[in-house]
Protein backbone atom coordinates (compact mmCIF):
# COMPACT_ATOMS: atom_id res chain seq x y z
CA MET A 1 -12.70 22.45 27.71
CA SER A 2 -9.94 19.86 28.12
CA GLU A 3 -12.47 17.16 28.99
CA ILE A 4 -14.18 17.74 25.62
CA SER A 5 -11.12 18.22 23.43
CA THR A 6 -9.18 15.20 24.70
CA PRO A 7 -11.68 12.58 23.41
CA GLN A 8 -11.89 14.47 20.12
CA LYS A 9 -8.11 14.43 19.79
CA HIS A 10 -8.07 10.71 20.62
CA GLU A 11 -10.73 10.07 17.99
CA ARG A 12 -8.76 11.97 15.34
CA ARG A 13 -5.67 9.98 16.25
CA LYS A 14 -7.62 6.73 15.92
CA GLN A 15 -8.91 7.74 12.48
CA HIS A 16 -5.38 8.42 11.24
CA ARG A 17 -3.91 5.24 12.74
CA PRO A 18 -4.36 2.97 9.68
CA GLY A 19 -2.54 5.51 7.54
CA GLU A 20 0.26 5.78 10.09
CA LEU A 21 0.62 2.00 10.17
CA LEU A 22 0.71 1.83 6.37
CA GLU A 23 3.38 4.53 6.26
CA ALA A 24 5.50 2.73 8.84
CA ALA A 25 5.06 -0.59 7.03
CA LEU A 26 6.04 0.94 3.69
CA ASP A 27 9.24 2.34 5.22
CA LEU A 28 10.22 -0.99 6.70
CA PHE A 29 9.27 -3.16 3.72
CA VAL A 30 11.41 -0.95 1.48
CA GLU A 31 14.29 -0.78 3.96
CA LYS A 32 14.40 -4.43 5.06
CA GLY A 33 12.22 -6.49 2.72
CA PHE A 34 9.13 -8.50 3.55
CA ALA A 35 10.76 -11.46 5.32
CA ALA A 36 12.95 -9.33 7.60
CA THR A 37 10.19 -6.91 8.61
CA ARG A 38 8.46 -7.86 11.87
CA ALA A 39 4.99 -6.75 12.88
CA GLU A 40 6.23 -5.40 16.20
CA GLU A 41 8.72 -3.17 14.34
CA VAL A 42 5.93 -1.69 12.26
CA ALA A 43 3.82 -1.09 15.34
CA ALA A 44 6.72 0.51 17.21
CA ARG A 45 7.51 2.85 14.33
CA ALA A 46 3.86 3.88 14.15
CA GLY A 47 3.83 4.44 17.92
CA VAL A 48 1.30 1.73 18.79
CA SER A 49 1.33 -1.77 20.23
CA LYS A 50 1.55 -4.95 18.17
CA GLY A 51 -1.98 -5.78 19.31
CA THR A 52 -3.25 -2.49 17.95
CA LEU A 53 -1.71 -3.23 14.56
CA PHE A 54 -3.60 -6.52 14.38
CA LEU A 55 -6.86 -4.74 15.14
CA TYR A 56 -6.53 -3.11 11.72
CA PHE A 57 -4.65 -5.77 9.76
CA GLN A 58 -5.06 -9.48 10.51
CA SER A 59 -1.55 -10.48 9.43
CA LYS A 60 1.69 -9.13 8.01
CA GLU A 61 0.55 -10.39 4.60
CA GLU A 62 -2.68 -8.37 4.82
CA LEU A 63 -0.67 -5.34 5.92
CA PHE A 64 1.57 -5.71 2.88
CA LYS A 65 -1.41 -5.99 0.56
CA ALA A 66 -2.86 -2.80 2.04
CA VAL A 67 0.46 -1.03 1.48
CA VAL A 68 0.48 -2.14 -2.15
CA ARG A 69 -3.12 -1.06 -2.74
CA GLU A 70 -2.45 2.35 -1.21
CA ASN A 71 0.88 3.09 -2.90
CA VAL A 72 1.11 0.99 -6.07
CA VAL A 73 -2.41 0.16 -7.22
CA LYS A 74 -3.62 3.73 -6.83
CA PRO A 75 -1.37 5.25 -9.56
CA VAL A 76 -2.54 2.58 -12.01
CA SER A 77 -6.20 3.27 -11.15
CA GLU A 78 -5.66 6.99 -11.65
CA GLY A 79 -4.14 6.25 -15.05
CA VAL A 80 -7.28 4.42 -16.19
CA GLU A 81 -9.41 7.51 -15.61
CA GLU A 82 -6.89 9.79 -17.29
CA VAL A 83 -6.68 7.57 -20.37
CA ALA A 84 -10.46 7.74 -20.74
CA ASN A 85 -10.43 11.56 -20.62
CA PHE A 86 -7.24 12.29 -22.59
CA LYS A 87 -7.81 14.42 -25.69
CA GLY A 88 -4.44 14.31 -27.46
CA SER A 89 -2.88 11.71 -29.75
CA CYS A 90 -2.08 8.22 -28.50
CA GLY A 91 1.61 8.97 -28.86
CA GLN A 92 1.24 11.97 -26.58
CA LEU A 93 -0.84 9.91 -24.17
CA LEU A 94 1.76 7.15 -24.00
CA LYS A 95 4.56 9.64 -23.28
CA TYR A 96 2.42 11.34 -20.64
CA LEU A 97 1.61 8.07 -18.85
CA MET A 98 5.23 6.98 -18.77
CA LEU A 99 6.46 10.25 -17.27
CA GLU A 100 3.57 10.45 -14.83
CA TRP A 101 4.27 6.90 -13.72
CA TRP A 102 7.74 8.00 -12.68
CA ARG A 103 6.52 11.16 -10.97
CA ARG A 104 3.77 9.43 -9.00
CA TYR A 105 5.45 6.10 -8.30
CA GLY A 106 8.97 5.59 -9.61
CA SER A 107 10.39 8.68 -7.93
CA THR A 108 8.79 7.85 -4.57
CA LYS A 109 9.99 5.50 -1.86
CA ALA A 110 7.03 3.25 -2.68
CA SER A 111 8.84 2.14 -5.84
CA GLY A 112 11.03 0.03 -3.55
CA ILE A 113 8.07 -2.35 -3.32
CA SER A 114 8.72 -3.41 -6.93
CA LYS A 115 12.32 -4.32 -6.12
CA MET A 116 11.17 -6.15 -3.00
CA ILE A 117 8.68 -8.25 -4.97
CA ILE A 118 11.27 -9.17 -7.60
CA SER A 119 13.78 -10.09 -4.87
CA GLU A 120 11.43 -12.15 -2.69
CA ALA A 121 8.86 -13.56 -5.12
CA ASN A 122 10.22 -17.11 -4.98
CA ASN A 123 9.93 -17.20 -1.20
CA PHE A 124 6.45 -15.67 -1.09
CA PRO A 125 4.59 -16.91 -4.21
CA GLU A 126 1.17 -15.89 -2.86
CA LEU A 127 2.28 -12.28 -2.48
CA ALA A 128 3.88 -12.39 -5.92
CA ALA A 129 0.60 -13.66 -7.38
CA PHE A 130 -1.28 -10.89 -5.58
CA TYR A 131 1.11 -8.28 -7.03
CA GLN A 132 0.78 -9.80 -10.49
CA ALA A 133 -3.02 -9.68 -10.32
CA GLU A 134 -3.44 -6.22 -8.78
CA VAL A 135 -0.50 -4.30 -10.26
CA ILE A 136 1.21 -5.91 -13.25
CA MET A 137 -1.84 -7.16 -15.14
CA PRO A 138 -3.84 -3.90 -14.74
CA ALA A 139 -0.77 -1.87 -15.79
CA VAL A 140 -0.23 -4.03 -18.87
CA SER A 141 -3.95 -3.85 -19.67
CA LEU A 142 -3.87 -0.06 -19.37
CA LEU A 143 -0.96 0.21 -21.80
CA GLN A 144 -2.52 -2.32 -24.15
CA GLY A 145 -5.64 -0.17 -24.30
CA VAL A 146 -3.62 2.87 -25.34
CA LEU A 147 -1.69 0.87 -27.92
CA GLU A 148 -4.85 -0.70 -29.35
CA ARG A 149 -6.51 2.71 -29.54
CA GLY A 150 -3.54 4.08 -31.48
CA ARG A 151 -3.61 1.09 -33.80
CA SER A 152 -7.36 1.26 -34.43
CA GLN A 153 -7.13 4.99 -35.15
CA GLY A 154 -4.39 4.45 -37.70
CA GLU A 155 -1.75 6.24 -35.65
CA PHE A 156 0.27 3.12 -34.79
CA LYS A 157 1.38 0.16 -36.89
CA ASN A 158 0.00 -3.35 -36.50
CA PHE A 159 1.90 -5.16 -33.71
CA ASN A 160 1.48 -7.41 -30.69
CA THR A 161 0.15 -5.06 -28.01
CA GLU A 162 0.91 -7.31 -25.03
CA GLN A 163 4.55 -7.76 -25.98
CA THR A 164 4.87 -4.05 -26.74
CA ALA A 165 3.36 -3.14 -23.37
CA MET A 166 6.00 -5.28 -21.68
CA ALA A 167 8.68 -3.61 -23.81
CA VAL A 168 7.46 -0.28 -22.42
CA ILE A 169 7.48 -1.50 -18.82
CA ALA A 170 10.75 -3.48 -18.68
CA PRO A 171 13.27 -0.58 -18.95
CA MET A 172 11.25 1.38 -16.40
CA LEU A 173 11.45 -1.52 -13.94
CA PHE A 174 15.18 -1.65 -14.58
CA LEU A 175 15.33 2.04 -13.66
CA ILE A 176 13.62 1.29 -10.35
CA MET A 177 15.96 -1.62 -9.63
CA SER A 178 18.91 0.66 -10.33
CA LYS A 179 17.52 3.38 -8.10
CA HIS A 180 17.18 1.00 -5.16
CA SER A 181 20.42 -0.92 -5.68
CA SER A 182 23.37 -0.03 -7.92
CA ALA A 183 22.47 3.66 -8.07
CA LEU A 184 23.16 3.84 -4.35
CA CYS A 185 26.78 2.96 -5.09
CA HIS A 186 27.16 5.75 -7.66
CA SER A 187 25.86 8.73 -5.77
CA GLY A 188 28.92 10.77 -6.76
CA SER A 189 28.68 10.09 -10.50
CA LYS A 190 26.71 12.09 -13.03
CA LEU A 191 23.97 9.68 -13.98
CA MET A 192 21.23 10.48 -16.44
CA LYS A 193 18.17 11.96 -14.79
CA PRO A 194 15.37 9.35 -14.63
CA GLU A 195 12.96 11.78 -16.30
CA ASP A 196 15.36 12.17 -19.24
CA PHE A 197 15.79 8.42 -19.50
CA ILE A 198 12.02 7.85 -19.58
CA ALA A 199 11.44 10.70 -22.05
CA GLN A 200 14.04 9.16 -24.38
CA HIS A 201 12.56 5.69 -23.93
CA ALA A 202 9.05 7.03 -24.67
CA GLU A 203 10.27 8.86 -27.76
CA LEU A 204 11.89 5.70 -29.14
CA ILE A 205 8.75 3.64 -28.48
CA VAL A 206 6.39 6.15 -30.11
CA ARG A 207 8.64 6.64 -33.13
CA GLY A 208 8.93 2.90 -33.59
CA LEU A 209 5.14 2.45 -33.46
CA SER A 210 4.17 5.43 -35.58
CA VAL A 211 2.87 4.71 -39.11
CA GLU A 212 4.68 7.89 -40.21
CA ASN A 213 7.95 6.03 -39.75
CA ALA A 214 6.84 2.88 -41.60
C-alpha cells in the first residue's frame, strides 16, 4: 500500500508546488519589497530548492508577474464578468464594485503589492509597465465602462470618464498605502473602518455623478 500511495502523494505535492511558491513569493514581496527579496528565500519558505523554483519560474521577474496575475489581475477579471451580468442601477453597481474590490483585494495581504509597485517603480520600470498594462489599465477600463453605461442610460451626468475613474481609484490606493505604512503606527487609535471609508467615498461619487443632483 505504501509503495502505491507514496508516488501519489509526491505527485499531489508536485501539483501544488507552483501555488506554494506563489504564496511564499507574495509573503516576501509584501514584507521586503521586490529588490530585497531573493529567489533562495522564496524557495526556502516554500520548502524547495532554488533550482526547483527556477523549474517553474525562469526568473524573479517572472515569479513576480505570476504573483500579480494570481492575486491582483484576478479580482479585476472577476469584476468584468460581474459588470456584464449586474441587473441593478449603475450607481449600485459602482458602489458594489468598490466595496468588493476592498473585500477581495484591499483587505488581503496581496494589496501590499500595490504599495511595493509605487515604492519601487523607478528602480524597476519594466515591472511598473507590466503592472500598468495588466492591472491599472484594465481596472480603469472596467470603471470607465460602468460610468459610460450610466451616462448613456441617462443616470449619470456628462463628464470625462477616464478622469472620473481615476478619481474613484486614487482614494482607495491611498487607503492601501495607509494600511501598509502609517496605519501600522496607529494600531491603538480608533481609525475609520476601511469599509466605511469606501462606502462614504462611493456615496459621494455616485451623488456627484447622478443627474438627480444636477
